[in-house]
Amino acid sequence: METSAQRLGVLLIVATIPVGITGLVLEHTFRTVFAKPLPASIFLTVNGAIQLAGERLRRRSAVLALARTEGEAFDEPGHRRLETLEYKEAGVIGVFQTLALLAGISRSGITFVGGLVRGLDHEDAARFGFLLATPVIFAAGVLKLPDLFGTAGDHIHGQVIVGALRQGLG
C-alpha cells in the first residue's frame, strides 16, 4: 500500500515525462526558432488568453463553492483534491507544462490551468504546479551545467562562483 507522499511522487514523475521528452528532443528548436522576439510576443499574448481562461475557471468554481455553502444542488465537476488525481490526468497536466517550453508561456500559469481543467481545486492545482517545477528546473540546470565550463560560460565564471558562494552562505 502506497502512502500519499509516495503517490504524489509518482504523480510528479508521470507529469514530468512529457515535458522531459519534449524538452530533450526539441530543445534546439525551442531555443533557436521560438525564442525570438516575434514568436515570444505572440506566445505572451497566448499566455494572456490562457491566464484569462484560468481566471474564468477560478471564478466559476468560486461561484460553485458559494452555491455549495448555501445548500444549492448542482452536478458541476470541480473542487477535487490532489489525492483523487489519476496518473493519466497527471500526464495531461504534464502535457500542459510542455507549452511552457515556448518563450512567453508561464510554466506555473499553464500547470495551474491544467490542474483546474482536470477539476482540481485551486489550492491543489497551485500546489501540484509548484511541485512539478522542481524536477524540470533541476533537470534543465543539470543539462546546462556543462555549458558553463565551455565557451558559453566565458566571462561569467567569477559571477557564477560569487553567486554560488552567496547562495551557500545565505
C-alpha atoms as a PDB file:
ATOM      1  CA  MET A   1       0.000   0.000   0.000  1.00  0.00           C
ATOM      2  CA  GLU A   2       1.452   3.353  -1.013  1.00  0.00           C
ATOM      3  CA  THR A   3       1.409   6.427   1.191  1.00  0.00           C
ATOM      4  CA  SER A   4       0.048   9.760  -0.023  1.00  0.00           C
ATOM      5  CA  ALA A   5       3.622  11.097  -0.312  1.00  0.00           C
ATOM      6  CA  GLN A   6       4.639   8.123  -2.479  1.00  0.00           C
ATOM      7  CA  ARG A   7       1.554   8.587  -4.646  1.00  0.00           C
ATOM      8  CA  LEU A   8       2.336  12.294  -5.050  1.00  0.00           C
ATOM      9  CA  GLY A   9       5.890  11.369  -6.053  1.00  0.00           C
ATOM     10  CA  VAL A  10       4.617   9.022  -8.755  1.00  0.00           C
ATOM     11  CA  LEU A  11       2.152  11.678  -9.982  1.00  0.00           C
ATOM     12  CA  LEU A  12       5.041  14.142 -10.279  1.00  0.00           C
ATOM     13  CA  ILE A  13       7.175  11.625 -12.175  1.00  0.00           C
ATOM     14  CA  VAL A  14       4.325  10.865 -14.595  1.00  0.00           C
ATOM     15  CA  ALA A  15       3.644  14.586 -15.132  1.00  0.00           C
ATOM     16  CA  THR A  16       7.345  15.298 -15.740  1.00  0.00           C
ATOM     17  CA  ILE A  17       7.734  12.702 -18.503  1.00  0.00           C
ATOM     18  CA  PRO A  18       6.014  14.684 -21.321  1.00  0.00           C
ATOM     19  CA  VAL A  19       7.995  17.888 -20.754  1.00  0.00           C
ATOM     20  CA  GLY A  20      11.220  15.947 -20.237  1.00  0.00           C
ATOM     21  CA  ILE A  21      10.929  14.073 -23.516  1.00  0.00           C
ATOM     22  CA  THR A  22       9.755  17.131 -25.442  1.00  0.00           C
ATOM     23  CA  GLY A  23      12.489  19.307 -23.962  1.00  0.00           C
ATOM     24  CA  LEU A  24      15.230  16.835 -24.811  1.00  0.00           C
ATOM     25  CA  VAL A  25      14.017  16.137 -28.326  1.00  0.00           C
ATOM     26  CA  LEU A  26      13.102  19.693 -29.340  1.00  0.00           C
ATOM     27  CA  GLU A  27      15.456  21.788 -27.173  1.00  0.00           C
ATOM     28  CA  HIS A  28      17.349  23.207 -30.142  1.00  0.00           C
ATOM     29  CA  THR A  29      14.127  24.105 -31.968  1.00  0.00           C
ATOM     30  CA  PHE A  30      12.650  25.833 -28.917  1.00  0.00           C
ATOM     31  CA  ARG A  31      15.870  27.759 -28.378  1.00  0.00           C
ATOM     32  CA  THR A  32      16.540  28.797 -31.985  1.00  0.00           C
ATOM     33  CA  VAL A  33      13.105  29.121 -33.593  1.00  0.00           C
ATOM     34  CA  PHE A  34      10.719  30.110 -30.829  1.00  0.00           C
ATOM     35  CA  ALA A  35      12.992  32.178 -28.567  1.00  0.00           C
ATOM     36  CA  LYS A  36      12.913  35.193 -30.878  1.00  0.00           C
ATOM     37  CA  PRO A  37      11.017  38.443 -30.336  1.00  0.00           C
ATOM     38  CA  LEU A  38       8.081  37.850 -32.699  1.00  0.00           C
ATOM     39  CA  PRO A  39       7.201  34.310 -31.562  1.00  0.00           C
ATOM     40  CA  ALA A  40       7.791  35.308 -27.920  1.00  0.00           C
ATOM     41  CA  SER A  41       5.396  38.264 -28.266  1.00  0.00           C
ATOM     42  CA  ILE A  42       2.791  36.011 -29.873  1.00  0.00           C
ATOM     43  CA  PHE A  43       3.169  33.473 -27.071  1.00  0.00           C
ATOM     44  CA  LEU A  44       2.906  36.232 -24.464  1.00  0.00           C
ATOM     45  CA  THR A  45      -0.473  37.089 -25.984  1.00  0.00           C
ATOM     46  CA  VAL A  46      -1.442  33.404 -25.988  1.00  0.00           C
ATOM     47  CA  ASN A  47      -0.283  33.210 -22.363  1.00  0.00           C
ATOM     48  CA  GLY A  48      -2.624  36.082 -21.504  1.00  0.00           C
ATOM     49  CA  ALA A  49      -5.522  34.195 -23.091  1.00  0.00           C
ATOM     50  CA  ILE A  50      -4.590  31.073 -21.128  1.00  0.00           C
ATOM     51  CA  GLN A  51      -4.464  33.057 -17.886  1.00  0.00           C
ATOM     52  CA  LEU A  52      -7.827  34.660 -18.686  1.00  0.00           C
ATOM     53  CA  ALA A  53      -9.330  31.212 -19.238  1.00  0.00           C
ATOM     54  CA  GLY A  54      -7.818  30.072 -15.934  1.00  0.00           C
ATOM     55  CA  GLU A  55      -9.303  33.070 -14.158  1.00  0.00           C
ATOM     56  CA  ARG A  56     -12.717  32.312 -15.620  1.00  0.00           C
ATOM     57  CA  LEU A  57     -12.413  28.735 -14.373  1.00  0.00           C
ATOM     58  CA  ARG A  58     -11.409  30.069 -10.956  1.00  0.00           C
ATOM     59  CA  ARG A  59     -14.371  32.443 -10.802  1.00  0.00           C
ATOM     60  CA  ARG A  60     -16.799  29.776 -11.961  1.00  0.00           C
ATOM     61  CA  SER A  61     -15.641  27.375  -9.286  1.00  0.00           C
ATOM     62  CA  ALA A  62     -15.778  30.147  -6.657  1.00  0.00           C
ATOM     63  CA  VAL A  63     -19.447  30.658  -7.563  1.00  0.00           C
ATOM     64  CA  LEU A  64     -19.981  26.892  -7.325  1.00  0.00           C
ATOM     65  CA  ALA A  65     -18.310  26.821  -3.913  1.00  0.00           C
ATOM     66  CA  LEU A  66     -20.622  29.593  -2.726  1.00  0.00           C
ATOM     67  CA  ALA A  67     -23.605  27.634  -4.050  1.00  0.00           C
ATOM     68  CA  ARG A  68     -22.427  24.598  -2.074  1.00  0.00           C
ATOM     69  CA  THR A  69     -22.229  26.564   1.148  1.00  0.00           C
ATOM     70  CA  GLU A  70     -25.723  27.876   0.551  1.00  0.00           C
ATOM     71  CA  GLY A  71     -27.029  24.345   0.058  1.00  0.00           C
ATOM     72  CA  GLU A  72     -27.838  24.569  -3.641  1.00  0.00           C
ATOM     73  CA  ALA A  73     -27.617  21.328  -5.586  1.00  0.00           C
ATOM     74  CA  PHE A  74     -25.591  21.056  -8.785  1.00  0.00           C
ATOM     75  CA  ASP A  75     -23.692  18.414 -10.696  1.00  0.00           C
ATOM     76  CA  GLU A  76     -20.739  20.542 -11.750  1.00  0.00           C
ATOM     77  CA  PRO A  77     -17.350  18.793 -11.566  1.00  0.00           C
ATOM     78  CA  GLY A  78     -14.542  20.515  -9.726  1.00  0.00           C
ATOM     79  CA  HIS A  79     -13.108  21.029  -6.302  1.00  0.00           C
ATOM     80  CA  ARG A  80     -11.265  17.735  -6.486  1.00  0.00           C
ATOM     81  CA  ARG A  81      -8.398  17.089  -4.165  1.00  0.00           C
ATOM     82  CA  LEU A  82      -4.956  16.073  -5.384  1.00  0.00           C
ATOM     83  CA  GLU A  83      -5.418  12.669  -3.739  1.00  0.00           C
ATOM     84  CA  THR A  84      -8.084  11.846  -6.342  1.00  0.00           C
ATOM     85  CA  LEU A  85      -5.925  12.727  -9.358  1.00  0.00           C
ATOM     86  CA  GLU A  86      -5.323   9.719 -11.583  1.00  0.00           C
ATOM     87  CA  TYR A  87      -1.931   9.024 -13.133  1.00  0.00           C
ATOM     88  CA  LYS A  88      -3.177   9.676 -16.672  1.00  0.00           C
ATOM     89  CA  GLU A  89      -4.549  13.034 -15.510  1.00  0.00           C
ATOM     90  CA  ALA A  90      -1.126  13.921 -14.117  1.00  0.00           C
ATOM     91  CA  GLY A  91       0.200  13.124 -17.590  1.00  0.00           C
ATOM     92  CA  VAL A  92      -2.328  15.557 -19.066  1.00  0.00           C
ATOM     93  CA  ILE A  93      -1.077  18.296 -16.737  1.00  0.00           C
ATOM     94  CA  GLY A  94       2.446  17.380 -17.827  1.00  0.00           C
ATOM     95  CA  VAL A  95       1.410  17.866 -21.455  1.00  0.00           C
ATOM     96  CA  PHE A  96       0.106  21.325 -20.483  1.00  0.00           C
ATOM     97  CA  GLN A  97       3.539  22.037 -18.990  1.00  0.00           C
ATOM     98  CA  THR A  98       5.247  21.324 -22.325  1.00  0.00           C
ATOM     99  CA  LEU A  99       3.688  24.544 -23.631  1.00  0.00           C
ATOM    100  CA  ALA A 100       5.881  26.409 -21.144  1.00  0.00           C
ATOM    101  CA  LEU A 101       8.882  25.446 -23.251  1.00  0.00           C
ATOM    102  CA  LEU A 102       7.711  28.201 -25.596  1.00  0.00           C
ATOM    103  CA  ALA A 103       9.149  31.610 -24.716  1.00  0.00           C
ATOM    104  CA  GLY A 104       6.346  33.725 -23.266  1.00  0.00           C
ATOM    105  CA  ILE A 105       4.238  30.923 -21.771  1.00  0.00           C
ATOM    106  CA  SER A 106       4.148  30.893 -17.966  1.00  0.00           C
ATOM    107  CA  ARG A 107       5.048  27.458 -16.591  1.00  0.00           C
ATOM    108  CA  SER A 108       3.266  27.985 -13.299  1.00  0.00           C
ATOM    109  CA  GLY A 109       0.261  29.526 -15.031  1.00  0.00           C
ATOM    110  CA  ILE A 110      -0.127  26.749 -17.573  1.00  0.00           C
ATOM    111  CA  THR A 111       0.189  23.969 -14.981  1.00  0.00           C
ATOM    112  CA  PHE A 112      -2.300  25.763 -12.729  1.00  0.00           C
ATOM    113  CA  VAL A 113      -4.810  25.989 -15.572  1.00  0.00           C
ATOM    114  CA  GLY A 114      -4.094  22.341 -16.444  1.00  0.00           C
ATOM    115  CA  GLY A 115      -4.933  21.366 -12.870  1.00  0.00           C
ATOM    116  CA  LEU A 116      -8.153  23.378 -12.975  1.00  0.00           C
ATOM    117  CA  VAL A 117      -9.117  21.738 -16.271  1.00  0.00           C
ATOM    118  CA  ARG A 118      -8.640  18.332 -14.608  1.00  0.00           C
ATOM    119  CA  GLY A 119     -11.021  19.505 -11.874  1.00  0.00           C
ATOM    120  CA  LEU A 120      -8.538  20.136  -9.068  1.00  0.00           C
ATOM    121  CA  ASP A 121      -9.394  22.802  -6.555  1.00  0.00           C
ATOM    122  CA  HIS A 122      -7.270  25.935  -6.689  1.00  0.00           C
ATOM    123  CA  GLU A 123      -5.051  25.101  -3.755  1.00  0.00           C
ATOM    124  CA  ASP A 124      -4.154  21.666  -5.083  1.00  0.00           C
ATOM    125  CA  ALA A 125      -3.748  22.894  -8.681  1.00  0.00           C
ATOM    126  CA  ALA A 126      -1.276  25.526  -7.452  1.00  0.00           C
ATOM    127  CA  ARG A 127       0.499  23.051  -5.151  1.00  0.00           C
ATOM    128  CA  PHE A 128       0.900  20.434  -7.866  1.00  0.00           C
ATOM    129  CA  GLY A 129       2.110  23.020 -10.379  1.00  0.00           C
ATOM    130  CA  PHE A 130       4.659  24.363  -7.894  1.00  0.00           C
ATOM    131  CA  LEU A 131       5.964  20.892  -7.065  1.00  0.00           C
ATOM    132  CA  LEU A 132       6.025  19.985 -10.744  1.00  0.00           C
ATOM    133  CA  ALA A 133       8.505  22.803 -11.398  1.00  0.00           C
ATOM    134  CA  THR A 134      11.196  21.269  -9.203  1.00  0.00           C
ATOM    135  CA  PRO A 135      12.247  18.262 -11.312  1.00  0.00           C
ATOM    136  CA  VAL A 136      12.037  20.225 -14.573  1.00  0.00           C
ATOM    137  CA  ILE A 137      14.093  23.175 -13.341  1.00  0.00           C
ATOM    138  CA  PHE A 138      16.613  20.838 -11.697  1.00  0.00           C
ATOM    139  CA  ALA A 139      16.980  18.723 -14.848  1.00  0.00           C
ATOM    140  CA  ALA A 140      17.366  21.808 -17.054  1.00  0.00           C
ATOM    141  CA  GLY A 141      20.063  23.131 -14.724  1.00  0.00           C
ATOM    142  CA  VAL A 142      21.950  19.839 -14.748  1.00  0.00           C
ATOM    143  CA  LEU A 143      21.638  19.656 -18.539  1.00  0.00           C
ATOM    144  CA  LYS A 144      23.064  23.174 -18.999  1.00  0.00           C
ATOM    145  CA  LEU A 145      25.738  22.959 -16.287  1.00  0.00           C
ATOM    146  CA  PRO A 146      28.430  21.628 -18.668  1.00  0.00           C
ATOM    147  CA  ASP A 147      27.843  24.669 -20.912  1.00  0.00           C
ATOM    148  CA  LEU A 148      29.115  26.912 -18.113  1.00  0.00           C
ATOM    149  CA  PHE A 149      32.510  25.267 -18.395  1.00  0.00           C
ATOM    150  CA  GLY A 150      32.629  25.716 -22.184  1.00  0.00           C
ATOM    151  CA  THR A 151      32.567  28.796 -24.375  1.00  0.00           C
ATOM    152  CA  ALA A 152      29.033  29.672 -23.257  1.00  0.00           C
ATOM    153  CA  GLY A 153      30.436  30.273 -19.779  1.00  0.00           C
ATOM    154  CA  ASP A 154      33.276  32.571 -20.848  1.00  0.00           C
ATOM    155  CA  HIS A 155      33.399  35.808 -18.872  1.00  0.00           C
ATOM    156  CA  ILE A 156      30.862  34.687 -16.253  1.00  0.00           C
ATOM    157  CA  HIS A 157      32.900  32.245 -14.153  1.00  0.00           C
ATOM    158  CA  GLY A 158      33.521  34.882 -11.491  1.00  0.00           C
ATOM    159  CA  GLN A 159      29.826  35.726 -11.214  1.00  0.00           C
ATOM    160  CA  VAL A 160      28.922  32.032 -11.009  1.00  0.00           C
ATOM    161  CA  ILE A 161      31.419  31.462  -8.179  1.00  0.00           C
ATOM    162  CA  VAL A 162      30.256  34.550  -6.261  1.00  0.00           C
ATOM    163  CA  GLY A 163      26.623  33.561  -6.746  1.00  0.00           C
ATOM    164  CA  ALA A 164      27.247  30.001  -5.603  1.00  0.00           C
ATOM    165  CA  LEU A 165      29.168  31.174  -2.555  1.00  0.00           C
ATOM    166  CA  ARG A 166      26.494  33.742  -1.712  1.00  0.00           C
ATOM    167  CA  GLN A 167      23.763  31.149  -2.041  1.00  0.00           C
ATOM    168  CA  GLY A 168      25.702  28.694   0.128  1.00  0.00           C
ATOM    169  CA  LEU A 169      26.306  31.255   2.863  1.00  0.00           C
ATOM    170  CA  GLY A 170      22.924  32.905   2.814  1.00  0.00           C
END
